[in-house]
């Protein structure tokens, strides 16, 4: 089974190459290849998650050496509970976004499918790699693909947002590379497990360089995670992107969160001596500022696409603040919230496209009733006044609600409940788990985050309720929008996944607790990686 670890990276890369060879004119073949590849990737990610979860203990790892070189000199791919979880979320959002793009968005520009597959490749590589240089490489792969996807469909608004997006990510990549160089200069290695093992041995004279390198890395990750004040680019960029692109971008901010969670718990645990919990207070307070910024942003806008963008900021800030407390119970609740908020953000971006399409439908006003027409049956003959009429004096009794409007209304309501953390859906389960853990943390910062989680939930619920009322409750002279089955299917599947997260809340929370235990016991990860050995080739041994 460990040989399958490399497939989540190879599969989308090979698919992108095949699509490029097929040519842009063979759209149906390209769509079929992309769909089969993405669905296979989701199946593979679920299989890897089930494999690492077969051992009911925190230390369950799969290690693969692609070049068959000994650690720490060669490339290492590692799958554990956290990376398997992130791969499943990436594949699920990718499949939903691809299904949604098939009727319309794949034809809005060139090379959509190769760019889409390359972004999936970069995302899966980030979650699997165990060394900093390959982390940088996969970061650049997914960012290069995201540049093209953000501009997919054209338009001046996308170009302006794309320029800001590219500029901030190029600066973040530069900081990333400088931070990696400093850490390599201090520790002499790029393997993350080897760095964690050598950090306590760094002499005091080099401790400043170590912290400077870690701070530069953290700055790059915080910018990519959309943390305040480095998130000014995110609402415009995500709000301008096409619906399937923005839905996949819901995972991009979680890449920065994942990188901070992985490296911070691995290299700066409470047992790291002078570097123990380095930057914890910055993570906590930066996360809370991001949470406030996102909540106010949702209240300040009435555009659904920007509303969805600010919801991504709210979830990223919540996660970053929870990570900084370095508590297993809080991390477990945050991981549950991560899964729920990622799926909800993806769903919300797809819903926004359908809501905006409904708003843009042209409608001809209804013709007035001719004079002298007999009174219908619902009119009280004695009073000669109709009952149960709408604003256009049309009968409400017996009127069927269009299926598309009903689907959009129910879907938006469920999605809003998850994003706001309202019971009984998965967003509520994740928030309750975090609130319960914060009650046990006797710190002013914990009480501050406790209050912000509740207050931000009220602001988010209010903003989503306002948008929902404008689209579904207020009198509107527009017909039911045209909703294709292939567009409604991914939205329905994502909503079903969110409902299942709530129904299976206890088993999922058990998985998250084991994941958090493994993160807060980094010695198991270090041992699993450093103990990996190359495979003997025909009895001659591996590379030397």
Protein backbone atom coordinates (compact mmCIF):
# COMPACT_ATOMS: atom_id res chain seq x y z
CA UNK A 1 0.00 0.00 0.00
CA UNK A 2 2.90 2.38 0.66
CA UNK A 3 3.75 2.35 -3.07
CA UNK A 4 0.45 4.14 -3.73
CA UNK A 5 1.56 7.23 -1.79
CA UNK A 6 3.15 8.79 -4.87
CA UNK A 7 0.06 8.27 -7.08
CA UNK A 8 -1.89 11.36 -5.89
CA UNK A 9 0.96 13.42 -7.38
CA UNK A 10 1.64 11.35 -10.50
CA UNK A 11 -2.00 10.91 -11.51
CA UNK A 12 -2.93 14.60 -12.11
CA UNK A 13 0.51 15.28 -13.60
CA UNK A 14 0.09 12.47 -16.16
CA UNK A 15 -3.47 13.59 -16.86
CA UNK A 16 -2.35 17.15 -17.58
CA UNK A 17 0.29 15.84 -19.99
CA UNK A 18 -2.26 13.63 -21.81
CA UNK A 19 -4.71 16.51 -22.14
CA UNK A 20 -2.02 18.77 -23.57
CA UNK A 21 -1.08 16.05 -26.08
CA UNK A 22 -4.74 15.61 -27.07
CA UNK A 23 -5.03 19.28 -27.93
CA UNK A 24 -7.48 22.00 -26.98
CA UNK A 25 -10.02 21.10 -29.68
CA UNK A 26 -10.87 17.69 -28.18
CA UNK A 27 -12.87 19.14 -25.32
CA UNK A 28 -15.04 16.09 -24.68
CA UNK A 29 -12.03 13.78 -24.48
CA UNK A 30 -10.20 16.22 -22.23
CA UNK A 31 -13.21 16.54 -19.95
CA UNK A 32 -13.56 12.76 -19.73
CA UNK A 33 -9.86 12.32 -18.91
CA UNK A 34 -10.00 15.04 -16.25
CA UNK A 35 -13.17 13.64 -14.71
CA UNK A 36 -11.86 10.05 -14.54
CA UNK A 37 -8.53 11.22 -13.12
CA UNK A 38 -10.09 13.45 -10.45
CA UNK A 39 -12.59 10.77 -9.40
CA UNK A 40 -9.76 8.23 -9.22
CA UNK A 41 -7.76 10.67 -7.12
CA UNK A 42 -10.63 10.97 -4.65
CA UNK A 43 -10.93 7.18 -4.45
CA UNK A 44 -7.19 6.88 -3.88
CA UNK A 45 -7.21 9.56 -1.17
CA UNK A 46 -10.05 7.81 0.67
CA UNK A 47 -8.16 4.50 0.42
CA UNK A 48 -5.02 6.10 1.91
CA UNK A 49 -7.05 7.68 4.70
CA UNK A 50 -8.63 4.32 5.53
CA UNK A 51 -5.19 2.70 5.44
CA UNK A 52 -3.56 5.08 7.94
CA UNK A 53 -6.65 4.84 10.14
CA UNK A 54 -6.56 1.04 10.37
CA UNK A 55 -4.19 1.36 13.30
CA UNK A 56 -6.24 2.99 16.05
CA UNK A 57 -3.29 4.97 17.42
CA UNK A 58 -1.82 8.43 16.74
CA UNK A 59 1.39 7.06 15.19
CA UNK A 60 0.14 5.67 11.89
CA UNK A 61 2.38 6.65 8.97
CA UNK A 62 3.23 5.59 5.45
CA UNK A 63 6.63 6.64 4.10
CA UNK A 64 7.73 6.44 0.46
CA UNK A 65 11.16 7.26 -0.99
CA UNK A 66 10.59 8.19 -4.68
CA UNK A 67 14.31 8.24 -5.57
CA UNK A 68 15.13 5.31 -3.26
CA UNK A 69 17.77 7.43 -1.53
CA UNK A 70 18.26 7.20 2.24
CA UNK A 71 16.80 9.84 4.52
CA UNK A 72 17.57 12.76 4.77
CA UNK A 73 19.38 12.96 1.41
CA UNK A 74 16.51 12.10 -0.92
CA UNK A 75 12.92 13.10 -1.51
CA UNK A 76 10.50 11.72 1.07
CA UNK A 77 6.71 11.50 0.84
CA UNK A 78 4.76 10.81 4.03
CA UNK A 79 1.09 10.13 4.54
CA UNK A 80 -0.42 10.35 8.01
CA UNK A 81 -3.87 11.20 9.29
CA UNK A 82 -3.48 14.94 8.67
CA UNK A 83 -2.12 14.66 5.13
CA UNK A 84 -4.70 11.99 4.24
CA UNK A 85 -7.49 14.26 5.53
CA UNK A 86 -6.23 17.19 3.46
CA UNK A 87 -5.94 15.03 0.34
CA UNK A 88 -9.54 13.83 0.71
CA UNK A 89 -10.76 17.41 1.12
CA UNK A 90 -8.73 18.55 -1.91
CA UNK A 91 -9.98 15.72 -4.10
CA UNK A 92 -13.60 16.20 -3.00
CA UNK A 93 -13.54 19.93 -3.71
CA UNK A 94 -11.68 19.33 -6.97
CA UNK A 95 -14.22 16.79 -8.21
CA UNK A 96 -17.15 19.06 -7.29
CA UNK A 97 -15.55 22.07 -9.00
CA UNK A 98 -14.75 20.04 -12.12
CA UNK A 99 -18.31 18.71 -12.41
CA UNK A 100 -19.64 22.24 -12.07
CA UNK A 101 -17.25 23.50 -14.77
CA UNK A 102 -18.22 20.96 -17.43
CA UNK A 103 -21.35 22.66 -18.86
CA UNK A 104 -19.91 26.16 -19.17
CA UNK A 105 -16.66 27.17 -17.51
CA UNK A 106 -14.34 24.73 -19.27
CA UNK A 107 -15.12 26.59 -22.51
CA UNK A 108 -14.51 30.07 -21.08
CA UNK A 109 -10.79 29.97 -21.91
CA UNK A 110 -7.93 27.77 -23.01
CA UNK A 111 -6.06 25.07 -21.07
CA UNK A 112 -8.57 24.89 -18.24
CA UNK A 113 -8.18 21.16 -17.65
CA UNK A 114 -4.35 21.02 -17.68
CA UNK A 115 -4.15 23.95 -15.27
CA UNK A 116 -6.80 22.37 -13.05
CA UNK A 117 -4.91 19.07 -12.91
CA UNK A 118 -1.59 20.79 -12.22
CA UNK A 119 -3.14 22.66 -9.32
CA UNK A 120 -4.42 19.38 -7.90
CA UNK A 121 -0.92 17.97 -8.32
CA UNK A 122 0.62 20.87 -6.43
CA UNK A 123 -1.93 20.65 -3.63
CA UNK A 124 -1.46 16.90 -3.15
CA UNK A 125 2.31 17.31 -3.25
CA UNK A 126 2.25 19.96 -0.52
CA UNK A 127 0.32 17.64 1.78
CA UNK A 128 2.60 14.65 1.13
CA UNK A 129 6.11 16.09 1.05
CA UNK A 130 8.37 15.82 4.06
CA UNK A 131 11.13 18.28 3.10
CA UNK A 132 11.17 22.05 2.73
CA UNK A 133 12.62 22.26 -0.77
CA UNK A 134 9.91 20.05 -2.28
CA UNK A 135 7.35 21.98 -0.24
CA UNK A 136 8.57 25.11 -2.03
CA UNK A 137 8.47 23.34 -5.42
CA UNK A 138 4.91 22.12 -4.96
CA UNK A 139 3.89 25.55 -3.69
CA UNK A 140 5.17 27.08 -6.91
CA UNK A 141 3.45 24.45 -9.05
CA UNK A 142 0.04 25.10 -7.50
CA UNK A 143 0.56 28.88 -7.55
CA UNK A 144 1.60 28.90 -11.22
CA UNK A 145 -1.52 26.92 -12.08
CA UNK A 146 -3.68 29.19 -9.93
CA UNK A 147 -2.43 32.26 -11.83
CA UNK A 148 -3.83 30.86 -15.05
CA UNK A 149 -7.04 29.63 -13.44
CA UNK A 150 -7.70 32.99 -11.79
CA UNK A 151 -7.57 34.69 -15.20
CA UNK A 152 -9.71 32.00 -16.82
CA UNK A 153 -12.66 33.66 -18.52
CA UNK A 154 -10.93 37.01 -19.03
CA UNK A 155 -12.24 40.44 -18.08
CA UNK A 156 -10.57 43.54 -16.66
CA UNK A 157 -11.71 42.78 -13.12
CA UNK A 158 -10.02 39.38 -13.15
CA UNK A 159 -6.85 40.87 -14.63
CA UNK A 160 -6.60 43.53 -11.89
CA UNK A 161 -7.28 40.99 -9.15
CA UNK A 162 -4.86 38.57 -10.76
CA UNK A 163 -2.03 41.12 -10.77
CA UNK A 164 -2.47 41.74 -7.04
CA UNK A 165 -2.68 38.00 -6.40
CA UNK A 166 0.49 37.29 -8.38
CA UNK A 167 2.41 40.14 -6.74
CA UNK A 168 1.64 39.11 -3.17
CA UNK A 169 2.40 35.46 -3.87
CA UNK A 170 5.71 36.26 -5.57
CA UNK A 171 6.76 38.24 -2.51
CA UNK A 172 5.61 35.40 -0.25
CA UNK A 173 7.56 32.90 -2.35
CA UNK A 174 10.69 35.03 -2.06
CA UNK A 175 10.33 35.12 1.74
CA UNK A 176 9.72 31.37 1.68
CA UNK A 177 12.97 30.75 -0.21
CA UNK A 178 15.00 33.05 2.05
CA UNK A 179 13.57 31.35 5.14
CA UNK A 180 14.44 27.90 3.75
CA UNK A 181 18.00 29.07 3.03
CA UNK A 182 18.43 30.36 6.60
CA UNK A 183 17.13 27.12 8.11
CA UNK A 184 19.42 25.10 5.86
CA UNK A 185 22.37 27.25 6.86
CA UNK A 186 21.66 26.67 10.55
CA UNK A 187 20.69 22.99 10.52
CA UNK A 188 22.42 21.67 7.38
CA UNK A 189 19.33 19.79 6.20
CA UNK A 190 16.01 20.36 4.44
CA UNK A 191 14.19 17.26 5.66
CA UNK A 192 11.52 18.45 8.12
CA UNK A 193 11.95 15.51 10.49
CA UNK A 194 15.74 15.96 10.45
CA UNK A 195 15.34 19.69 11.10
CA UNK A 196 13.10 18.94 14.08
CA UNK A 197 15.68 16.49 15.45
CA UNK A 198 18.55 18.98 15.10
CA UNK A 199 16.80 22.11 16.39
CA UNK A 200 17.49 21.45 20.09
CA UNK A 201 21.20 21.10 19.20
CA UNK A 202 21.46 24.54 17.59
CA UNK A 203 23.94 26.64 19.59
CA UNK A 204 22.73 29.87 21.20
CA UNK A 205 24.85 31.90 18.78
CA UNK A 206 22.79 30.58 15.85
CA UNK A 207 19.41 30.71 17.59
CA UNK A 208 18.67 34.17 16.21
CA UNK A 209 19.21 33.01 12.62
CA UNK A 210 17.00 30.00 13.32
CA UNK A 211 14.16 32.17 14.58
CA UNK A 212 14.62 34.63 11.71
CA UNK A 213 14.30 31.83 9.18
CA UNK A 214 11.23 30.46 10.95
CA UNK A 215 9.68 33.93 11.07
CA UNK A 216 10.20 34.43 7.32
CA UNK A 217 8.64 31.04 6.61
CA UNK A 218 5.72 31.89 8.88
CA UNK A 219 5.20 35.23 7.13
CA UNK A 220 5.02 33.48 3.77
CA UNK A 221 2.56 30.90 5.10
CA UNK A 222 0.41 33.52 6.83
CA UNK A 223 0.17 35.53 3.61
CA UNK A 224 -0.91 32.43 1.69
CA UNK A 225 -3.39 31.60 4.47
CA UNK A 226 -5.06 35.01 4.16
CA UNK A 227 -4.13 36.25 7.62
CA UNK A 228 -4.56 39.89 8.61
CA UNK A 229 -3.00 42.29 7.62
CA UNK A 230 -1.65 40.34 4.63
CA UNK A 231 -5.07 39.37 3.26
CA UNK A 232 -6.06 42.57 1.43
CA UNK A 233 -5.78 40.73 -1.88
CA UNK A 234 -8.03 37.78 -1.06
CA UNK A 235 -11.62 39.13 -1.29
CA UNK A 236 -11.03 40.72 -4.68
CA UNK A 237 -9.09 37.76 -6.09
CA UNK A 238 -11.44 35.01 -4.93
CA UNK A 239 -14.52 37.10 -5.67
CA UNK A 240 -13.37 37.73 -9.25
CA UNK A 241 -12.49 34.13 -10.07
CA UNK A 242 -14.87 31.84 -11.89
CA UNK A 243 -17.12 29.75 -9.67
CA UNK A 244 -15.31 26.38 -10.06
CA UNK A 245 -11.93 28.09 -9.70
CA UNK A 246 -12.98 29.90 -6.54
CA UNK A 247 -14.42 26.63 -5.19
CA UNK A 248 -11.02 24.97 -5.57
CA UNK A 249 -9.36 28.09 -4.15
CA UNK A 250 -11.23 27.35 -0.91
CA UNK A 251 -8.49 24.77 -0.33
CA UNK A 252 -5.63 27.18 -1.11
CA UNK A 253 -5.89 29.16 2.12
CA UNK A 254 -5.90 25.87 4.02
CA UNK A 255 -2.49 25.12 2.46
CA UNK A 256 -0.97 27.93 4.51
CA UNK A 257 -2.80 26.74 7.60
CA UNK A 258 -1.57 23.18 6.99
CA UNK A 259 2.04 24.33 6.57
CA UNK A 260 1.97 26.28 9.83
CA UNK A 261 0.30 23.42 11.69
CA UNK A 262 2.74 20.82 10.34
CA UNK A 263 6.00 22.73 10.82
CA UNK A 264 5.07 24.49 14.05
CA UNK A 265 3.97 21.35 15.90
CA UNK A 266 6.92 19.41 14.46
CA UNK A 267 9.74 21.89 15.03
CA UNK A 268 8.56 24.06 17.94
CA UNK A 269 6.69 21.80 20.39
CA UNK A 270 6.67 22.46 24.11
CA UNK A 271 9.75 20.23 24.42
CA UNK A 272 11.88 22.31 22.01
CA UNK A 273 13.85 24.06 24.76
CA UNK A 274 14.65 27.71 24.07
CA UNK A 275 12.54 27.59 20.89
CA UNK A 276 9.49 26.03 22.53
CA UNK A 277 6.22 27.36 21.09
CA UNK A 278 8.06 30.04 19.12
CA UNK A 279 5.55 32.58 17.76
CA UNK A 280 2.53 31.13 19.57
CA UNK A 281 1.19 34.50 20.72
CA UNK A 282 1.55 35.92 17.21
CA UNK A 283 -0.47 33.03 15.78
CA UNK A 284 -3.20 33.49 18.39
CA UNK A 285 -3.64 37.25 18.11
CA UNK A 286 -3.11 37.40 14.36
CA UNK A 287 -5.74 34.69 13.97
CA UNK A 288 -8.21 36.57 16.14
CA UNK A 289 -7.62 39.81 14.22
CA UNK A 290 -8.25 37.88 11.00
CA UNK A 291 -11.46 36.47 12.47
CA UNK A 292 -12.68 39.97 13.35
CA UNK A 293 -11.65 41.36 9.96
CA UNK A 294 -13.49 38.61 8.09
CA UNK A 295 -16.64 38.94 10.18
CA UNK A 296 -16.79 42.71 9.69
CA UNK A 297 -16.12 42.21 5.99
CA UNK A 298 -19.11 39.88 5.70
CA UNK A 299 -21.31 42.44 7.41
CA UNK A 300 -20.01 45.25 5.19
CA UNK A 301 -20.70 43.59 1.83
CA UNK A 302 -23.87 42.52 0.10
CA UNK A 303 -22.18 40.92 -2.90
CA UNK A 304 -22.46 37.13 -2.60
CA UNK A 305 -19.06 36.45 -4.18
CA UNK A 306 -17.24 38.75 -1.75
CA UNK A 307 -19.33 37.32 1.07
CA UNK A 308 -18.00 33.86 0.26
CA UNK A 309 -14.45 35.26 0.11
CA UNK A 310 -14.73 36.81 3.56
CA UNK A 311 -16.10 33.54 4.91
CA UNK A 312 -12.82 31.90 3.86
CA UNK A 313 -10.96 34.57 5.85
CA UNK A 314 -13.14 33.89 8.90
CA UNK A 315 -12.38 30.17 8.81
CA UNK A 316 -8.64 30.73 8.27
CA UNK A 317 -8.45 33.14 11.20
CA UNK A 318 -10.33 30.75 13.46
CA UNK A 319 -7.99 27.89 12.59
CA UNK A 320 -4.81 29.91 13.04
CA UNK A 321 -5.88 31.21 16.45
CA UNK A 322 -6.79 27.70 17.61
CA UNK A 323 -3.44 26.29 16.44
CA UNK A 324 -1.50 28.80 18.53
CA UNK A 325 -2.84 27.47 21.85
CA UNK A 326 -1.03 24.13 21.37
CA UNK A 327 -3.77 22.08 23.03
CA UNK A 328 -4.77 18.65 21.74
CA UNK A 329 -8.50 19.06 22.43
CA UNK A 330 -8.59 22.46 20.74
CA UNK A 331 -6.60 21.18 17.77
CA UNK A 332 -9.03 18.27 17.36
CA UNK A 333 -12.00 20.65 17.27
CA UNK A 334 -10.11 22.92 14.86
CA UNK A 335 -9.44 20.00 12.51
CA UNK A 336 -13.13 19.12 12.47
CA UNK A 337 -13.89 22.78 11.78
CA UNK A 338 -11.26 22.76 9.01
CA UNK A 339 -13.00 19.90 7.21
CA UNK A 340 -16.43 21.50 7.62
CA UNK A 341 -15.39 25.03 6.63
CA UNK A 342 -13.45 23.85 3.57
CA UNK A 343 -16.42 21.91 2.17
CA UNK A 344 -18.79 24.76 3.10
CA UNK A 345 -16.59 27.36 1.41
CA UNK A 346 -16.42 25.28 -1.75
CA UNK A 347 -20.21 24.86 -1.71
CA UNK A 348 -20.83 28.54 -1.09
CA UNK A 349 -18.75 29.63 -4.10
CA UNK A 350 -20.72 27.27 -6.34
CA UNK A 351 -24.00 28.50 -4.85
CA UNK A 352 -23.00 32.11 -5.50
CA UNK A 353 -22.71 31.40 -9.23
CA UNK A 354 -26.26 30.01 -9.29
CA UNK A 355 -27.65 32.89 -7.21
CA UNK A 356 -26.03 35.49 -9.44
CA UNK A 357 -27.37 33.72 -12.51
CA UNK A 358 -30.87 33.89 -11.03
CA UNK A 359 -30.49 37.60 -10.36
CA UNK A 360 -29.35 38.30 -13.90
CA UNK A 361 -32.29 36.58 -15.61
CA UNK A 362 -34.32 39.06 -17.60
CA UNK A 363 -38.01 39.07 -16.95
CA UNK A 364 -40.93 40.65 -18.71
CA UNK A 365 -43.58 42.10 -16.36
CA UNK A 366 -46.80 40.11 -16.23
CA UNK A 367 -49.75 41.32 -18.23
CA UNK A 368 -52.59 42.87 -16.27
CA UNK A 369 -55.87 41.04 -16.11
CA UNK A 370 -58.45 42.19 -18.72
CA UNK A 371 -61.46 44.04 -17.49
CA UNK A 372 -64.72 42.18 -17.15
CA UNK A 373 -63.09 38.86 -16.28
CA UNK A 374 -65.09 36.70 -13.91
CA UNK A 375 -63.89 36.37 -10.35
CA UNK A 376 -61.81 33.26 -9.66
CA UNK A 377 -62.85 30.65 -7.15
CA UNK A 378 -60.58 31.93 -4.36
CA UNK A 379 -62.47 35.28 -4.18
CA UNK A 380 -64.98 35.70 -1.42
CA UNK A 381 -68.14 36.67 -3.34
CA UNK A 382 -69.68 38.35 -0.30
CA UNK A 383 -66.75 40.62 0.36
CA UNK A 384 -65.61 40.70 -3.29
CA UNK A 385 -61.96 40.74 -2.06
CA UNK A 386 -59.37 38.11 -2.92
CA UNK A 387 -57.47 36.22 -0.22
CA UNK A 388 -53.87 34.85 -0.22
CA UNK A 389 -52.58 36.98 -3.07
CA UNK A 390 -49.03 38.11 -3.76
CA UNK A 391 -48.02 41.64 -4.73
CA UNK A 392 -49.02 41.00 -8.35
CA UNK A 393 -52.49 39.85 -7.24
CA UNK A 394 -51.77 36.29 -8.28
CA UNK A 395 -53.09 33.39 -6.25
CA UNK A 396 -50.67 31.80 -3.81
CA UNK A 397 -52.87 28.78 -3.11
CA UNK A 398 -51.91 25.84 -5.25
CA UNK A 399 -48.90 27.53 -6.79
CA UNK A 400 -45.97 25.12 -7.15
CA UNK A 401 -42.56 26.33 -6.04
CA UNK A 402 -40.11 25.88 -8.94
CA UNK A 403 -37.68 23.02 -8.32
CA UNK A 404 -34.61 25.15 -9.07
CA UNK A 405 -35.65 27.86 -6.62
CA UNK A 406 -36.45 25.28 -3.95
CA UNK A 407 -33.07 23.62 -4.45
CA UNK A 408 -31.21 26.92 -4.26
CA UNK A 409 -33.16 28.04 -1.20
CA UNK A 410 -32.61 24.83 0.75
CA UNK A 411 -28.98 24.59 -0.35
CA UNK A 412 -28.16 28.17 0.58
CA UNK A 413 -29.86 27.75 3.97
CA UNK A 414 -27.88 24.61 4.80
CA UNK A 415 -24.63 26.17 3.63
CA UNK A 416 -25.29 29.34 5.64
CA UNK A 417 -25.98 27.28 8.76
CA UNK A 418 -22.66 25.47 8.39
CA UNK A 419 -20.65 28.64 7.74
CA UNK A 420 -22.26 30.44 10.70
CA UNK A 421 -21.88 27.40 12.98
CA UNK A 422 -25.58 27.01 13.69
CA UNK A 423 -26.99 23.72 15.02
CA UNK A 424 -27.36 20.95 14.16
CA UNK A 425 -24.92 20.82 11.20
CA UNK A 426 -21.19 20.20 11.08
CA UNK A 427 -20.11 23.82 11.60
CA UNK A 428 -21.84 23.75 14.98
CA UNK A 429 -20.12 20.49 15.97
CA UNK A 430 -16.67 21.91 15.20
CA UNK A 431 -17.33 25.16 17.04
CA UNK A 432 -18.73 23.41 20.12
CA UNK A 433 -15.64 21.19 20.26
CA UNK A 434 -13.40 24.27 20.16
CA UNK A 435 -15.50 26.18 22.71
CA UNK A 436 -15.40 23.24 25.13
CA UNK A 437 -11.61 23.09 24.83
CA UNK A 438 -11.28 26.85 25.35
CA UNK A 439 -13.20 26.60 28.62
CA UNK A 440 -10.40 24.45 30.02
CA UNK A 441 -7.70 26.94 29.01
CA UNK A 442 -7.42 29.44 31.84
CA UNK A 443 -5.93 32.26 29.76
CA UNK A 444 -7.24 35.69 28.80
CA UNK A 445 -6.57 34.89 25.14
CA UNK A 446 -8.73 31.77 25.43
CA UNK A 447 -11.67 33.74 26.81
CA UNK A 448 -11.18 36.34 24.08
CA UNK A 449 -11.31 33.69 21.36
CA UNK A 450 -14.32 32.09 23.10
CA UNK A 451 -16.24 35.35 22.86
CA UNK A 452 -15.10 36.06 19.32
CA UNK A 453 -16.26 32.66 18.08
CA UNK A 454 -19.76 33.33 19.41
CA UNK A 455 -19.90 36.96 18.30
CA UNK A 456 -18.49 36.24 14.84
CA UNK A 457 -21.07 33.47 14.43
CA UNK A 458 -23.82 36.03 15.01
CA UNK A 459 -22.31 38.45 12.49
CA UNK A 460 -21.85 35.74 9.88
CA UNK A 461 -25.40 34.45 10.39
CA UNK A 462 -26.79 37.99 10.08
CA UNK A 463 -24.89 38.73 6.87
CA UNK A 464 -25.91 35.44 5.25
CA UNK A 465 -29.52 35.90 6.36
CA UNK A 466 -29.56 39.35 4.75
CA UNK A 467 -28.29 38.00 1.43
CA UNK A 468 -30.69 35.06 1.56
CA UNK A 469 -33.63 37.34 2.26
CA UNK A 470 -32.77 39.52 -0.71
CA UNK A 471 -32.56 36.57 -3.07
CA UNK A 472 -35.42 34.40 -1.83
CA UNK A 473 -37.85 36.30 0.40
CA UNK A 474 -38.28 39.73 -1.12
CA UNK A 475 -40.78 40.16 -3.98
CA UNK A 476 -38.90 39.69 -7.25
CA UNK A 477 -40.09 39.78 -10.83
CA UNK A 478 -37.92 37.06 -12.27
CA UNK A 479 -38.54 33.51 -13.48
CA UNK A 480 -36.91 30.39 -12.14
CA UNK A 481 -33.27 30.12 -13.29
CA UNK A 482 -32.07 27.37 -15.57
CA UNK A 483 -30.25 24.83 -13.41
CA UNK A 484 -28.51 21.94 -15.10
CA UNK A 485 -28.39 18.60 -13.33
CA UNK A 486 -24.62 18.41 -13.75
CA UNK A 487 -24.32 21.76 -11.94
CA UNK A 488 -26.73 20.86 -9.16
CA UNK A 489 -25.15 17.45 -8.54
CA UNK A 490 -21.83 18.66 -7.05
CA UNK A 491 -23.64 21.16 -4.82
CA UNK A 492 -25.99 18.42 -3.60
CA UNK A 493 -23.08 16.04 -2.95
CA UNK A 494 -21.15 18.66 -0.97
CA UNK A 495 -24.23 19.45 1.10
CA UNK A 496 -24.73 15.73 1.71
CA UNK A 497 -21.12 15.47 2.88
CA UNK A 498 -21.68 18.34 5.33
CA UNK A 499 -24.79 16.65 6.68
CA UNK A 500 -22.93 13.34 7.03
CA UNK A 501 -20.16 15.11 8.96
CA UNK A 502 -22.78 16.12 11.52
CA UNK A 503 -24.48 12.72 11.61
CA UNK A 504 -21.15 10.91 12.00
CA UNK A 505 -19.80 13.59 14.31
CA UNK A 506 -18.43 11.29 17.01
CA UNK A 507 -16.45 8.93 14.70
CA UNK A 508 -15.07 11.92 12.81
CA UNK A 509 -14.13 13.66 16.06
CA UNK A 510 -12.38 10.46 17.16
CA UNK A 511 -10.32 10.57 13.96
CA UNK A 512 -9.52 14.25 14.59
CA UNK A 513 -8.47 13.50 18.20
CA UNK A 514 -6.05 10.84 17.00
CA UNK A 515 -4.75 13.26 14.37
CA UNK A 516 -4.21 15.96 17.01
CA UNK A 517 -2.44 13.49 19.31
CA UNK A 518 -0.07 12.58 16.51
CA UNK A 519 0.65 16.25 15.78
CA UNK A 520 1.39 17.04 19.41
CA UNK A 521 3.67 14.01 19.74
CA UNK A 522 6.13 14.82 16.91
CA UNK A 523 8.66 12.17 17.96
CA UNK A 524 6.50 9.55 16.25
CA UNK A 525 6.63 11.44 12.94
CA UNK A 526 10.37 12.00 13.26
CA UNK A 527 11.01 8.34 14.01
CA UNK A 528 8.79 7.14 11.14
CA UNK A 529 10.59 9.33 8.59
CA UNK A 530 14.18 8.86 9.77
CA UNK A 531 13.79 5.10 10.13
CA UNK A 532 12.70 4.66 6.49
CA UNK A 533 15.20 2.65 4.46
CA UNK A 534 15.70 2.37 0.68
CA UNK A 535 14.46 -0.78 -1.00
CA UNK A 536 17.17 -3.23 -1.96
CA UNK A 537 17.53 -3.53 -5.76
CA UNK A 538 18.20 -7.13 -6.87
CA UNK A 539 20.22 -7.80 -3.78
CA UNK A 540 22.74 -5.05 -4.61
CA UNK A 541 21.40 -2.50 -2.16
CA UNK A 542 19.91 0.89 -2.80
CA UNK A 543 21.69 3.99 -4.02
CA UNK A 544 24.69 5.08 -2.06
